[in-house]
Amino acid sequence: MKFSEIQQIANFYGFDLKDMSNIYPYSNRKKQTIGISDRRSGEIKLKIPDRRTAAIGN
């Protein structure tokens, strides 16, 4: 599934996809670079590992 398709689904349900590489330092992300946040509260609900880093070291 493409990033844009996931983004459309998230938007439909009231969530935003965020690139967490600019928000959190690497030690807090634990290789997770994409986050799904609630649009109303701004809280990160789910952290998704980037497929480039998911294959390394898991």
C-alpha atoms as a PDB file:
ATOM      1  CA  MET A   1       0.000   0.000   0.000  1.00  0.00           C
ATOM      2  CA  LYS A   2       1.346   3.415  -0.906  1.00  0.00           C
ATOM      3  CA  PHE A   3       1.892   6.164   1.647  1.00  0.00           C
ATOM      4  CA  SER A   4      -0.679   8.369  -0.122  1.00  0.00           C
ATOM      5  CA  GLU A   5      -3.320   5.623   0.128  1.00  0.00           C
ATOM      6  CA  ILE A   6      -2.699   5.194   3.844  1.00  0.00           C
ATOM      7  CA  GLN A   7      -2.857   8.966   4.237  1.00  0.00           C
ATOM      8  CA  GLN A   8      -6.268   9.098   2.518  1.00  0.00           C
ATOM      9  CA  ILE A   9      -7.661   6.382   4.795  1.00  0.00           C
ATOM     10  CA  ALA A  10      -6.288   8.119   7.895  1.00  0.00           C
ATOM     11  CA  ASN A  11      -7.791  11.443   6.790  1.00  0.00           C
ATOM     12  CA  PHE A  12     -11.181   9.790   6.259  1.00  0.00           C
ATOM     13  CA  TYR A  13     -11.220   8.590   9.875  1.00  0.00           C
ATOM     14  CA  GLY A  14     -10.007  11.922  11.303  1.00  0.00           C
ATOM     15  CA  PHE A  15      -6.326  11.151  11.727  1.00  0.00           C
ATOM     16  CA  ASP A  16      -3.165  12.664  10.274  1.00  0.00           C
ATOM     17  CA  LEU A  17       0.028  10.911   9.241  1.00  0.00           C
ATOM     18  CA  LYS A  18       3.143  12.629  10.538  1.00  0.00           C
ATOM     19  CA  ASP A  19       6.782  12.185   9.706  1.00  0.00           C
ATOM     20  CA  MET A  20       8.193  11.751  13.203  1.00  0.00           C
ATOM     21  CA  SER A  21      11.821  11.949  12.134  1.00  0.00           C
ATOM     22  CA  ASN A  22      11.623  15.735  12.485  1.00  0.00           C
ATOM     23  CA  ILE A  23       9.566  15.713  15.715  1.00  0.00           C
ATOM     24  CA  TYR A  24      11.267  13.142  17.954  1.00  0.00           C
ATOM     25  CA  PRO A  25      14.949  12.258  18.388  1.00  0.00           C
ATOM     26  CA  TYR A  26      16.022   8.850  17.107  1.00  0.00           C
ATOM     27  CA  SER A  27      16.298   7.343  20.602  1.00  0.00           C
ATOM     28  CA  ASN A  28      12.617   8.091  21.324  1.00  0.00           C
ATOM     29  CA  ARG A  29      11.373   6.864  17.949  1.00  0.00           C
ATOM     30  CA  LYS A  30      13.020   3.421  18.085  1.00  0.00           C
ATOM     31  CA  LYS A  31      13.187   3.222  14.270  1.00  0.00           C
ATOM     32  CA  GLN A  32       9.575   4.355  13.937  1.00  0.00           C
ATOM     33  CA  THR A  33       9.351   7.259  11.549  1.00  0.00           C
ATOM     34  CA  ILE A  34       5.661   7.555  10.703  1.00  0.00           C
ATOM     35  CA  GLY A  35       3.016   8.354  13.291  1.00  0.00           C
ATOM     36  CA  ILE A  36      -0.766   8.463  13.163  1.00  0.00           C
ATOM     37  CA  SER A  37      -2.116  11.293  15.281  1.00  0.00           C
ATOM     38  CA  ASP A  38      -5.618  12.235  16.332  1.00  0.00           C
ATOM     39  CA  ARG A  39      -6.533  15.428  14.513  1.00  0.00           C
ATOM     40  CA  ARG A  40      -8.469  16.852  17.477  1.00  0.00           C
ATOM     41  CA  SER A  41      -5.998  16.225  20.299  1.00  0.00           C
ATOM     42  CA  GLY A  42      -2.763  16.022  18.299  1.00  0.00           C
ATOM     43  CA  GLU A  43      -1.775  12.936  20.303  1.00  0.00           C
ATOM     44  CA  ILE A  44       0.254  10.283  18.483  1.00  0.00           C
ATOM     45  CA  LYS A  45      -1.880   7.123  18.518  1.00  0.00           C
ATOM     46  CA  LEU A  46       0.283   4.714  16.537  1.00  0.00           C
ATOM     47  CA  LYS A  47       3.924   4.640  15.475  1.00  0.00           C
ATOM     48  CA  ILE A  48       4.769   2.778  12.292  1.00  0.00           C
ATOM     49  CA  PRO A  49       8.284   1.630  11.439  1.00  0.00           C
ATOM     50  CA  ASP A  50       9.613   2.842   8.135  1.00  0.00           C
ATOM     51  CA  ARG A  51      10.089  -0.140   5.832  1.00  0.00           C
ATOM     52  CA  ARG A  52      13.686   0.924   5.153  1.00  0.00           C
ATOM     53  CA  THR A  53      14.601   0.682   8.837  1.00  0.00           C
ATOM     54  CA  ALA A  54      12.204  -2.146   9.764  1.00  0.00           C
ATOM     55  CA  ALA A  55      14.295  -4.687   7.868  1.00  0.00           C
ATOM     56  CA  ILE A  56      17.475  -3.586   9.634  1.00  0.00           C
ATOM     57  CA  GLY A  57      18.110  -5.005  13.076  1.00  0.00           C
ATOM     58  CA  ASN A  58      14.699  -6.563  13.775  1.00  0.00           C
END
